[in-house]
N, C-alpha and C. Protein backbone atom coordinates (compact mmCIF):
# COMPACT_ATOMS: atom_id res chain seq x y z
N UNK A 1 251.12 202.01 79.81
CA UNK A 1 252.31 202.84 79.92
C UNK A 1 252.94 202.71 81.28
N UNK A 2 254.25 202.49 81.32
CA UNK A 2 254.96 202.29 82.57
C UNK A 2 255.11 203.62 83.32
N UNK A 3 255.42 203.53 84.61
CA UNK A 3 255.68 204.70 85.43
C UNK A 3 256.88 205.48 84.88
N UNK A 4 257.88 204.75 84.39
CA UNK A 4 259.03 205.41 83.79
C UNK A 4 258.63 206.25 82.62
N UNK A 5 257.84 205.66 81.69
CA UNK A 5 257.39 206.36 80.48
C UNK A 5 256.56 207.58 80.82
N UNK A 6 255.78 207.48 81.85
CA UNK A 6 254.84 208.60 82.19
C UNK A 6 255.51 209.70 82.98
N UNK A 7 256.39 209.33 83.92
CA UNK A 7 256.89 210.40 84.83
C UNK A 7 258.38 210.72 84.65
N UNK A 8 259.19 209.74 84.22
CA UNK A 8 260.63 209.98 84.12
C UNK A 8 261.06 210.37 82.73
N UNK A 9 260.55 209.60 81.74
CA UNK A 9 261.00 209.81 80.35
C UNK A 9 260.73 211.18 79.83
N UNK A 10 259.53 211.80 80.05
CA UNK A 10 259.35 213.18 79.53
C UNK A 10 260.35 214.18 80.06
N UNK A 11 260.71 214.04 81.34
CA UNK A 11 261.71 214.99 81.92
C UNK A 11 263.09 214.72 81.40
N UNK A 12 263.39 213.41 81.16
CA UNK A 12 264.69 213.03 80.58
C UNK A 12 264.80 213.61 79.17
N UNK A 13 263.79 213.44 78.36
CA UNK A 13 263.81 213.91 76.97
C UNK A 13 263.90 215.45 76.92
N UNK A 14 263.15 216.10 77.77
CA UNK A 14 263.20 217.56 77.83
C UNK A 14 264.61 218.04 78.15
N UNK A 15 265.25 217.35 79.04
CA UNK A 15 266.64 217.72 79.43
C UNK A 15 267.64 217.43 78.32
N UNK A 16 267.58 216.19 77.79
CA UNK A 16 268.54 215.77 76.77
C UNK A 16 268.39 216.57 75.51
N UNK A 17 267.13 216.85 75.11
CA UNK A 17 266.87 217.56 73.86
C UNK A 17 266.96 219.07 74.03
N UNK A 18 267.23 219.52 75.25
CA UNK A 18 267.34 220.93 75.55
C UNK A 18 268.78 221.35 75.88
N UNK A 19 269.77 220.47 75.62
CA UNK A 19 271.13 220.82 75.91
C UNK A 19 271.58 222.02 75.05
N UNK A 20 272.63 222.66 75.49
CA UNK A 20 273.06 223.89 74.78
C UNK A 20 273.42 223.61 73.29
N UNK A 21 274.19 222.53 72.98
CA UNK A 21 274.49 222.30 71.56
C UNK A 21 273.24 222.03 70.74
N UNK A 22 272.27 221.33 71.28
CA UNK A 22 271.03 221.04 70.59
C UNK A 22 270.21 222.31 70.42
N UNK A 23 270.19 223.10 71.49
CA UNK A 23 269.46 224.38 71.40
C UNK A 23 270.03 225.27 70.31
N UNK A 24 271.32 225.25 70.16
CA UNK A 24 271.98 226.07 69.11
C UNK A 24 271.56 225.58 67.75
N UNK A 25 271.40 224.28 67.56
CA UNK A 25 270.91 223.72 66.30
C UNK A 25 269.49 224.17 66.03
N UNK A 26 268.67 224.14 67.05
CA UNK A 26 267.28 224.63 66.90
C UNK A 26 267.26 226.09 66.40
N UNK A 27 268.11 226.89 66.98
CA UNK A 27 268.16 228.32 66.57
C UNK A 27 268.55 228.48 65.08
N UNK A 28 269.28 227.50 64.57
CA UNK A 28 269.68 227.56 63.16
C UNK A 28 268.53 227.35 62.17
N UNK A 29 267.58 226.44 62.55
CA UNK A 29 266.62 225.99 61.57
C UNK A 29 265.19 226.53 61.80
N UNK A 30 264.77 226.67 63.07
CA UNK A 30 263.40 227.01 63.36
C UNK A 30 262.96 228.35 62.74
N UNK A 31 263.80 229.39 62.75
CA UNK A 31 263.38 230.67 62.19
C UNK A 31 263.03 230.63 60.71
N UNK A 32 263.42 229.56 59.99
CA UNK A 32 263.08 229.46 58.58
C UNK A 32 261.60 229.00 58.36
N UNK A 33 260.94 228.54 59.38
CA UNK A 33 259.56 228.12 59.23
C UNK A 33 258.70 229.31 58.91
N UNK A 34 257.75 229.12 57.96
CA UNK A 34 256.90 230.22 57.58
C UNK A 34 255.50 229.72 57.18
N UNK A 35 254.55 230.68 57.20
CA UNK A 35 253.21 230.33 56.80
C UNK A 35 252.53 229.46 57.83
N UNK A 36 251.77 228.51 57.34
CA UNK A 36 251.07 227.55 58.22
C UNK A 36 252.08 226.40 58.47
N UNK A 37 252.40 226.17 59.74
CA UNK A 37 253.51 225.27 60.08
C UNK A 37 252.98 224.04 60.81
N UNK A 38 253.45 222.90 60.43
CA UNK A 38 253.22 221.65 61.21
C UNK A 38 254.54 221.27 61.85
N UNK A 39 254.58 221.29 63.18
CA UNK A 39 255.75 220.78 63.87
C UNK A 39 255.49 219.34 64.29
N UNK A 40 256.24 218.46 63.69
CA UNK A 40 256.09 217.04 63.96
C UNK A 40 257.00 216.63 65.12
N UNK A 41 256.38 216.10 66.19
CA UNK A 41 257.16 215.80 67.37
C UNK A 41 257.49 217.07 68.15
N UNK A 42 256.43 217.82 68.44
CA UNK A 42 256.65 219.10 69.15
C UNK A 42 257.22 218.89 70.55
N UNK A 43 257.02 217.70 71.11
CA UNK A 43 257.58 217.36 72.38
C UNK A 43 257.20 218.36 73.49
N UNK A 44 258.19 218.82 74.22
CA UNK A 44 257.90 219.71 75.32
C UNK A 44 257.94 221.19 74.89
N UNK A 45 258.02 221.45 73.60
CA UNK A 45 257.94 222.80 73.08
C UNK A 45 259.26 223.52 73.01
N UNK A 46 260.37 222.76 72.88
CA UNK A 46 261.71 223.41 72.91
C UNK A 46 261.96 224.29 71.72
N UNK A 47 261.24 224.08 70.61
CA UNK A 47 261.42 224.92 69.41
C UNK A 47 260.63 226.24 69.50
N UNK A 48 259.62 226.29 70.34
CA UNK A 48 258.68 227.41 70.31
C UNK A 48 259.36 228.80 70.50
N UNK A 49 260.37 228.94 71.32
CA UNK A 49 260.97 230.27 71.50
C UNK A 49 261.64 230.79 70.24
N UNK A 50 261.95 229.93 69.27
CA UNK A 50 262.78 230.31 68.14
C UNK A 50 261.98 230.60 66.84
N UNK A 51 260.68 230.50 66.87
CA UNK A 51 259.89 230.86 65.70
C UNK A 51 259.97 232.36 65.43
N UNK A 52 260.01 232.72 64.14
CA UNK A 52 259.95 234.11 63.74
C UNK A 52 258.46 234.45 63.50
N UNK A 53 257.86 235.11 64.50
CA UNK A 53 256.40 235.36 64.41
C UNK A 53 255.98 236.21 63.22
N UNK A 54 256.93 236.97 62.64
CA UNK A 54 256.57 237.77 61.49
C UNK A 54 256.41 236.93 60.25
N UNK A 55 256.89 235.66 60.27
CA UNK A 55 256.81 234.79 59.10
C UNK A 55 255.67 233.76 59.27
N UNK A 56 255.32 233.47 60.49
CA UNK A 56 254.39 232.34 60.78
C UNK A 56 252.96 232.86 60.96
N UNK A 57 252.03 232.22 60.31
CA UNK A 57 250.63 232.57 60.45
C UNK A 57 249.87 231.62 61.42
N UNK A 58 250.35 230.39 61.49
CA UNK A 58 249.65 229.37 62.30
C UNK A 58 250.65 228.22 62.61
N UNK A 59 250.58 227.72 63.84
CA UNK A 59 251.44 226.57 64.23
C UNK A 59 250.56 225.45 64.70
N UNK A 60 250.77 224.25 64.16
CA UNK A 60 250.14 223.01 64.65
C UNK A 60 251.26 222.16 65.22
N UNK A 61 251.00 221.64 66.41
CA UNK A 61 252.01 220.75 67.04
C UNK A 61 251.45 219.34 67.19
N UNK A 62 252.19 218.37 66.64
CA UNK A 62 251.79 216.97 66.68
C UNK A 62 252.75 216.17 67.53
N UNK A 63 252.20 215.41 68.49
CA UNK A 63 253.03 214.55 69.32
C UNK A 63 252.20 213.46 69.96
N UNK A 64 252.75 212.24 70.09
CA UNK A 64 251.96 211.15 70.73
C UNK A 64 251.97 211.19 72.25
N UNK A 65 252.85 212.02 72.86
CA UNK A 65 252.98 212.02 74.31
C UNK A 65 252.16 213.15 74.90
N UNK A 66 251.15 212.77 75.68
CA UNK A 66 250.32 213.76 76.38
C UNK A 66 251.12 214.49 77.41
N UNK A 67 252.08 213.82 78.06
CA UNK A 67 252.90 214.43 79.07
C UNK A 67 253.78 215.53 78.50
N UNK A 68 254.42 215.24 77.39
CA UNK A 68 255.28 216.23 76.73
C UNK A 68 254.43 217.37 76.18
N UNK A 69 253.27 217.05 75.60
CA UNK A 69 252.37 218.06 75.08
C UNK A 69 251.92 219.04 76.15
N UNK A 70 251.68 218.53 77.31
CA UNK A 70 251.28 219.41 78.45
C UNK A 70 252.38 220.40 78.73
N UNK A 71 253.61 219.98 78.68
CA UNK A 71 254.75 220.87 78.89
C UNK A 71 254.82 221.93 77.77
N UNK A 72 254.57 221.49 76.53
CA UNK A 72 254.58 222.40 75.39
C UNK A 72 253.46 223.45 75.47
N UNK A 73 252.33 223.02 75.92
CA UNK A 73 251.19 223.95 76.06
C UNK A 73 251.53 225.03 77.08
N UNK A 74 252.21 224.66 78.15
CA UNK A 74 252.61 225.68 79.15
C UNK A 74 253.63 226.67 78.53
N UNK A 75 254.58 226.11 77.72
CA UNK A 75 255.57 226.99 77.10
C UNK A 75 254.87 227.94 76.10
N UNK A 76 253.94 227.40 75.34
CA UNK A 76 253.18 228.25 74.34
C UNK A 76 252.44 229.33 75.08
N UNK A 77 251.85 229.00 76.19
CA UNK A 77 251.07 230.00 77.00
C UNK A 77 252.02 231.13 77.49
N UNK A 78 253.19 230.72 77.97
CA UNK A 78 254.14 231.72 78.48
C UNK A 78 254.68 232.62 77.38
N UNK A 79 254.76 232.06 76.17
CA UNK A 79 255.26 232.86 75.04
C UNK A 79 254.15 233.61 74.32
N UNK A 80 252.90 233.41 74.77
CA UNK A 80 251.72 234.02 74.15
C UNK A 80 251.58 233.56 72.66
N UNK A 81 251.84 232.27 72.44
CA UNK A 81 251.73 231.67 71.09
C UNK A 81 250.45 230.85 71.01
N UNK A 82 249.74 231.02 69.95
CA UNK A 82 248.53 230.23 69.73
C UNK A 82 248.92 228.96 68.90
N UNK A 83 249.08 227.87 69.58
CA UNK A 83 249.50 226.60 68.96
C UNK A 83 248.32 225.63 69.04
N UNK A 84 248.00 225.03 67.90
CA UNK A 84 246.95 224.00 67.87
C UNK A 84 247.62 222.63 68.06
N UNK A 85 247.27 221.96 69.11
CA UNK A 85 247.93 220.68 69.42
C UNK A 85 247.11 219.48 68.96
N UNK A 86 247.80 218.52 68.39
CA UNK A 86 247.17 217.25 67.96
C UNK A 86 247.90 216.12 68.64
N UNK A 87 247.15 215.21 69.24
CA UNK A 87 247.73 214.06 69.92
C UNK A 87 247.74 212.87 69.00
N UNK A 88 248.93 212.35 68.75
CA UNK A 88 249.00 211.19 67.82
C UNK A 88 250.36 211.08 67.15
N UNK A 89 250.56 209.96 66.45
CA UNK A 89 251.80 209.77 65.74
C UNK A 89 251.74 210.37 64.32
N UNK A 90 252.91 210.49 63.72
CA UNK A 90 253.02 211.07 62.40
C UNK A 90 252.64 210.13 61.29
N UNK A 91 252.44 208.85 61.63
CA UNK A 91 252.12 207.91 60.57
C UNK A 91 250.68 208.14 60.03
N UNK A 92 249.82 208.74 60.83
CA UNK A 92 248.49 209.11 60.40
C UNK A 92 248.18 210.50 60.94
N UNK A 93 248.17 211.49 60.07
CA UNK A 93 247.92 212.84 60.48
C UNK A 93 246.51 213.24 60.09
N UNK A 94 245.64 213.55 61.05
CA UNK A 94 244.25 213.83 60.75
C UNK A 94 243.99 215.24 60.21
N UNK A 95 244.68 215.58 59.12
CA UNK A 95 244.54 216.86 58.52
C UNK A 95 244.51 216.71 56.98
N UNK A 96 243.97 217.69 56.27
CA UNK A 96 243.80 217.54 54.80
C UNK A 96 245.09 217.60 54.01
N UNK A 97 244.98 217.16 52.78
CA UNK A 97 246.12 217.24 51.84
C UNK A 97 246.46 218.71 51.59
N UNK A 98 247.77 218.92 51.22
CA UNK A 98 248.22 220.22 50.71
C UNK A 98 247.80 221.39 51.59
N UNK A 99 248.03 221.23 52.93
CA UNK A 99 247.54 222.21 53.86
C UNK A 99 248.68 223.14 54.41
N UNK A 100 249.84 222.54 54.60
CA UNK A 100 250.92 223.31 55.29
C UNK A 100 251.96 223.88 54.35
N UNK A 101 252.48 225.07 54.72
CA UNK A 101 253.57 225.68 53.98
C UNK A 101 254.93 225.10 54.43
N UNK A 102 255.01 224.74 55.69
CA UNK A 102 256.26 224.23 56.27
C UNK A 102 255.96 223.07 57.22
N UNK A 103 256.82 222.06 57.11
CA UNK A 103 256.82 221.00 58.15
C UNK A 103 258.17 221.09 58.81
N UNK A 104 258.14 221.13 60.14
CA UNK A 104 259.38 221.19 60.94
C UNK A 104 259.54 219.90 61.72
N UNK A 105 260.69 219.26 61.56
CA UNK A 105 260.93 217.98 62.23
C UNK A 105 262.33 218.08 62.86
N UNK A 106 262.39 218.11 64.19
CA UNK A 106 263.68 218.23 64.86
C UNK A 106 263.81 217.13 65.89
N UNK A 107 264.84 216.32 65.81
CA UNK A 107 265.15 215.27 66.72
C UNK A 107 263.91 214.34 67.02
N UNK A 108 263.32 213.97 65.92
CA UNK A 108 262.06 213.20 65.94
C UNK A 108 262.12 211.96 65.05
N UNK A 109 262.81 212.03 63.88
CA UNK A 109 262.90 210.91 62.98
C UNK A 109 263.60 209.71 63.61
N UNK A 110 264.41 209.99 64.62
CA UNK A 110 265.12 208.93 65.33
C UNK A 110 264.17 208.01 66.10
N UNK A 111 263.01 208.52 66.41
CA UNK A 111 262.09 207.81 67.32
C UNK A 111 260.84 207.28 66.66
N UNK A 112 260.36 207.87 65.58
CA UNK A 112 259.13 207.45 64.91
C UNK A 112 259.27 205.99 64.48
N UNK A 113 258.33 205.11 64.93
CA UNK A 113 258.43 203.68 64.60
C UNK A 113 258.47 203.43 63.10
N UNK A 114 257.53 203.96 62.35
CA UNK A 114 257.45 203.77 60.91
C UNK A 114 257.82 205.09 60.23
N UNK A 115 259.11 205.38 60.22
CA UNK A 115 259.54 206.71 59.84
C UNK A 115 259.28 207.03 58.39
N UNK A 116 259.46 206.08 57.47
CA UNK A 116 259.23 206.37 56.06
C UNK A 116 257.75 206.63 55.81
N UNK A 117 256.90 205.79 56.44
CA UNK A 117 255.48 206.04 56.33
C UNK A 117 255.09 207.36 56.87
N UNK A 118 255.68 207.78 57.97
CA UNK A 118 255.43 209.09 58.57
C UNK A 118 255.86 210.22 57.64
N UNK A 119 257.05 210.09 57.07
CA UNK A 119 257.53 211.15 56.17
C UNK A 119 256.63 211.26 54.92
N UNK A 120 256.11 210.14 54.40
CA UNK A 120 255.23 210.23 53.26
C UNK A 120 253.92 210.90 53.70
N UNK A 121 253.47 210.64 54.91
CA UNK A 121 252.26 211.31 55.40
C UNK A 121 252.49 212.84 55.58
N UNK A 122 253.68 213.18 56.04
CA UNK A 122 254.00 214.61 56.14
C UNK A 122 254.01 215.25 54.79
N UNK A 123 254.54 214.55 53.81
CA UNK A 123 254.53 215.08 52.45
C UNK A 123 253.16 215.27 51.90
N UNK A 124 252.22 214.42 52.34
CA UNK A 124 250.82 214.50 51.88
C UNK A 124 250.20 215.81 52.35
N UNK A 125 250.45 216.19 53.61
CA UNK A 125 249.82 217.41 54.15
C UNK A 125 250.56 218.68 53.77
N UNK A 126 251.77 218.54 53.20
CA UNK A 126 252.50 219.71 52.72
C UNK A 126 251.96 220.17 51.40
N UNK A 127 251.91 221.50 51.21
CA UNK A 127 251.56 222.02 49.89
C UNK A 127 252.62 221.65 48.85
N UNK A 128 252.29 221.66 47.60
CA UNK A 128 253.26 221.38 46.55
C UNK A 128 254.46 222.32 46.62
N UNK A 129 254.19 223.53 47.09
CA UNK A 129 255.25 224.52 47.19
C UNK A 129 255.89 224.53 48.58
N UNK A 130 255.44 223.59 49.45
CA UNK A 130 255.95 223.58 50.85
C UNK A 130 257.31 222.95 50.97
N UNK A 131 257.87 223.18 52.13
CA UNK A 131 259.21 222.64 52.42
C UNK A 131 259.22 221.91 53.75
N UNK A 132 260.13 220.97 53.85
CA UNK A 132 260.41 220.24 55.08
C UNK A 132 261.75 220.74 55.63
N UNK A 133 261.65 221.24 56.86
CA UNK A 133 262.88 221.67 57.59
C UNK A 133 263.20 220.55 58.60
N UNK A 134 264.43 220.08 58.55
CA UNK A 134 264.80 218.97 59.41
C UNK A 134 266.09 219.23 60.16
N UNK A 135 266.20 218.72 61.33
CA UNK A 135 267.43 218.72 62.11
C UNK A 135 267.41 217.46 62.99
N UNK A 136 268.29 216.52 62.71
CA UNK A 136 268.22 215.21 63.34
C UNK A 136 269.63 214.70 63.64
N UNK A 137 269.71 213.83 64.66
CA UNK A 137 270.97 213.11 64.87
C UNK A 137 270.86 211.74 64.18
N UNK A 138 271.98 211.15 63.80
CA UNK A 138 271.87 209.87 63.07
C UNK A 138 273.24 209.20 62.94
N UNK A 139 273.29 208.34 61.97
CA UNK A 139 274.46 207.51 61.77
C UNK A 139 275.70 208.40 61.49
N UNK A 140 276.80 208.09 62.11
CA UNK A 140 278.02 208.86 61.93
C UNK A 140 278.80 208.36 60.71
N UNK A 141 279.60 209.20 60.08
CA UNK A 141 280.38 208.77 58.89
C UNK A 141 281.62 207.96 59.26
N UNK A 142 282.06 208.01 60.51
CA UNK A 142 283.22 207.29 60.90
C UNK A 142 282.83 205.82 61.25
N UNK A 143 283.51 204.90 60.63
CA UNK A 143 283.16 203.49 60.74
C UNK A 143 283.13 203.00 62.21
N UNK A 144 284.14 203.38 62.98
CA UNK A 144 284.20 202.92 64.34
C UNK A 144 283.07 203.49 65.19
N UNK A 145 282.75 204.76 64.99
CA UNK A 145 281.64 205.35 65.70
C UNK A 145 280.34 204.69 65.30
N UNK A 146 280.17 204.44 64.03
CA UNK A 146 278.94 203.82 63.50
C UNK A 146 278.76 202.43 64.11
N UNK A 147 279.89 201.70 64.25
CA UNK A 147 279.82 200.35 64.86
C UNK A 147 279.34 200.43 66.29
N UNK A 148 279.85 201.41 67.06
CA UNK A 148 279.42 201.60 68.43
C UNK A 148 277.91 202.02 68.50
N UNK A 149 277.53 202.84 67.54
CA UNK A 149 276.11 203.22 67.52
C UNK A 149 275.20 202.02 67.37
N UNK A 150 275.59 201.09 66.44
CA UNK A 150 274.80 199.90 66.25
C UNK A 150 274.82 198.97 67.45
N UNK A 151 275.97 198.91 68.14
CA UNK A 151 276.06 198.06 69.34
C UNK A 151 275.16 198.59 70.48
N UNK A 152 275.20 199.88 70.67
CA UNK A 152 274.48 200.54 71.80
C UNK A 152 272.99 200.68 71.49
N UNK A 153 272.64 200.76 70.22
CA UNK A 153 271.30 201.16 69.83
C UNK A 153 270.14 200.38 70.53
N UNK A 154 270.25 199.04 70.59
CA UNK A 154 269.10 198.31 71.25
C UNK A 154 268.90 198.67 72.70
N UNK A 155 270.00 198.93 73.41
CA UNK A 155 269.89 199.32 74.80
C UNK A 155 269.44 200.76 74.92
N UNK A 156 270.01 201.60 74.11
CA UNK A 156 269.68 203.06 74.12
C UNK A 156 268.22 203.28 73.96
N UNK A 157 267.60 202.59 73.03
CA UNK A 157 266.17 202.75 72.75
C UNK A 157 265.27 202.44 73.90
N UNK A 158 265.72 201.56 74.79
CA UNK A 158 264.88 201.10 75.90
C UNK A 158 264.63 202.19 76.95
N UNK A 159 265.63 203.06 77.13
CA UNK A 159 265.45 204.10 78.17
C UNK A 159 265.25 205.49 77.53
N UNK A 160 265.26 205.59 76.20
CA UNK A 160 265.12 206.89 75.52
C UNK A 160 263.89 207.00 74.68
N UNK A 161 262.88 206.18 75.00
CA UNK A 161 261.61 206.35 74.26
C UNK A 161 261.64 205.78 72.87
N UNK A 162 262.51 204.84 72.57
CA UNK A 162 262.55 204.23 71.25
C UNK A 162 263.46 204.94 70.29
N UNK A 163 264.30 205.87 70.79
CA UNK A 163 265.21 206.62 69.93
C UNK A 163 266.27 205.67 69.35
N UNK A 164 266.61 205.90 68.05
CA UNK A 164 267.65 205.11 67.39
C UNK A 164 268.84 206.01 67.16
N UNK A 165 270.03 205.50 67.41
CA UNK A 165 271.28 206.25 67.19
C UNK A 165 271.75 206.24 65.77
N UNK A 166 271.38 205.20 65.02
CA UNK A 166 272.06 204.90 63.77
C UNK A 166 271.19 205.01 62.51
N UNK A 167 270.16 205.85 62.52
CA UNK A 167 269.39 206.02 61.32
C UNK A 167 270.10 206.96 60.34
N UNK A 168 270.02 206.54 59.07
CA UNK A 168 270.63 207.32 57.99
C UNK A 168 269.63 208.35 57.51
N UNK A 169 269.66 209.54 58.05
CA UNK A 169 268.62 210.54 57.81
C UNK A 169 268.55 210.93 56.31
N UNK A 170 269.60 211.23 55.63
CA UNK A 170 269.45 211.59 54.21
C UNK A 170 268.83 210.47 53.39
N UNK A 171 269.25 209.23 53.63
CA UNK A 171 268.67 208.11 52.89
C UNK A 171 267.19 207.92 53.21
N UNK A 172 266.82 208.08 54.48
CA UNK A 172 265.43 207.96 54.88
C UNK A 172 264.58 209.01 54.15
N UNK A 173 265.06 210.24 54.09
CA UNK A 173 264.31 211.28 53.41
C UNK A 173 264.15 210.96 51.92
N UNK A 174 265.22 210.56 51.28
CA UNK A 174 265.14 210.22 49.88
C UNK A 174 264.22 209.03 49.62
N UNK A 175 264.30 208.03 50.51
CA UNK A 175 263.41 206.86 50.35
C UNK A 175 261.95 207.23 50.61
N UNK A 176 261.73 208.34 51.28
CA UNK A 176 260.37 208.78 51.59
C UNK A 176 259.77 209.65 50.48
N UNK A 177 260.58 209.94 49.43
CA UNK A 177 260.12 210.73 48.33
C UNK A 177 260.43 212.21 48.41
N UNK A 178 261.53 212.54 49.06
CA UNK A 178 261.94 213.91 49.16
C UNK A 178 263.24 214.17 48.38
N UNK A 179 263.38 215.40 47.93
CA UNK A 179 264.63 215.85 47.39
C UNK A 179 265.25 216.80 48.36
N UNK A 180 266.43 216.51 48.80
CA UNK A 180 267.15 217.38 49.76
C UNK A 180 267.79 218.50 48.99
N UNK A 181 267.38 219.73 49.32
CA UNK A 181 267.92 220.87 48.57
C UNK A 181 269.03 221.60 49.34
N UNK A 182 269.18 221.29 50.58
CA UNK A 182 270.29 221.83 51.34
C UNK A 182 270.58 220.90 52.53
N UNK A 183 271.83 220.55 52.75
CA UNK A 183 272.18 219.63 53.80
C UNK A 183 273.52 220.01 54.43
N UNK A 184 273.49 220.13 55.74
CA UNK A 184 274.73 220.32 56.52
C UNK A 184 274.82 219.19 57.53
N UNK A 185 276.05 218.92 57.94
CA UNK A 185 276.23 217.82 58.89
C UNK A 185 277.53 217.98 59.70
N UNK A 186 277.49 217.56 60.93
CA UNK A 186 278.73 217.62 61.76
C UNK A 186 278.44 216.96 63.11
N UNK A 187 279.53 216.72 63.86
CA UNK A 187 279.41 216.31 65.24
C UNK A 187 279.12 217.55 66.10
N UNK A 188 278.16 217.42 66.98
CA UNK A 188 277.90 218.54 67.88
C UNK A 188 278.99 218.63 68.92
N UNK A 189 279.41 219.83 69.29
CA UNK A 189 280.43 219.94 70.35
C UNK A 189 279.86 219.52 71.73
N UNK A 190 280.73 219.09 72.59
CA UNK A 190 280.39 218.74 73.95
C UNK A 190 279.24 217.72 74.00
N UNK A 191 279.25 216.81 73.04
CA UNK A 191 278.19 215.76 72.95
C UNK A 191 278.89 214.44 72.60
N UNK A 192 278.53 213.37 73.27
CA UNK A 192 279.08 212.07 72.90
C UNK A 192 278.92 211.76 71.43
N UNK A 193 279.96 211.31 70.73
CA UNK A 193 279.88 211.14 69.30
C UNK A 193 278.83 210.13 68.89
N UNK A 194 278.54 209.15 69.72
CA UNK A 194 277.56 208.15 69.31
C UNK A 194 276.16 208.77 69.22
N UNK A 195 275.92 209.86 69.86
CA UNK A 195 274.59 210.53 69.83
C UNK A 195 274.67 211.92 69.26
N UNK A 196 275.83 212.31 68.76
CA UNK A 196 276.02 213.72 68.42
C UNK A 196 276.29 214.08 66.99
N UNK A 197 276.08 213.10 66.05
CA UNK A 197 276.28 213.48 64.64
C UNK A 197 274.95 213.99 64.12
N UNK A 198 274.97 215.25 63.65
CA UNK A 198 273.73 215.92 63.22
C UNK A 198 273.67 216.18 61.75
N UNK A 199 272.43 216.06 61.23
CA UNK A 199 272.09 216.39 59.85
C UNK A 199 271.01 217.43 59.92
N UNK A 200 271.17 218.53 59.15
CA UNK A 200 270.10 219.49 59.11
C UNK A 200 270.05 220.19 57.76
N UNK A 201 268.84 220.66 57.41
CA UNK A 201 268.66 221.28 56.11
C UNK A 201 267.21 221.39 55.69
N UNK A 202 267.00 221.39 54.40
CA UNK A 202 265.68 221.58 53.79
C UNK A 202 265.45 220.51 52.73
N UNK A 203 264.19 220.09 52.61
CA UNK A 203 263.84 219.12 51.57
C UNK A 203 262.46 219.48 51.03
N UNK A 204 262.19 219.02 49.79
CA UNK A 204 260.90 219.22 49.21
C UNK A 204 260.41 217.88 48.68
N UNK A 205 259.09 217.72 48.66
CA UNK A 205 258.53 216.47 48.20
C UNK A 205 258.60 216.34 46.67
N UNK A 206 258.82 215.13 46.22
CA UNK A 206 258.84 214.87 44.77
C UNK A 206 257.53 214.17 44.44
N UNK A 207 256.83 214.73 43.48
CA UNK A 207 255.53 214.15 43.10
C UNK A 207 255.70 212.98 42.13
């Protein structure tokens, strides 16, 4: 791991993913989590303040970054939340089948190397009655913006931890075996359009 990845990137991600427009998006989706929750890509814990504790019985946080997880642990401590942390990627989740009521994925599918494999693994640990809550940035509907996303993407990923600007989130979910039951999308205000087109909603696994 480079010095940039260890010391600079976690702070950059915490700042970028904690902007006011992104925070507002988190407030829209996180309170819908209920029961036993798996947060995939918990990062620095930016979602933790928005959980509805009356609905949640247990939170598990999965992330490959020890540096970001350390920040999340401090946030959980300050909020008096009991979060069980797992270090690792979403492609292999060391937990049993049909365990979680909710999987929460926010601003994470853009970065997971094998995103379809990871989503299938998330589906495995979700109960048959469980739901996936997602909020992600991705490919824009405007052709010119999408072209710029593809041009910038290789460079963008090098300093943003492997983040991709141009992933088609709805298609990825459908290709991973999910049925999207609710979907909203828009450009976030006060955000560059190449990084600001958001998709959010709910999906369920198809057996």
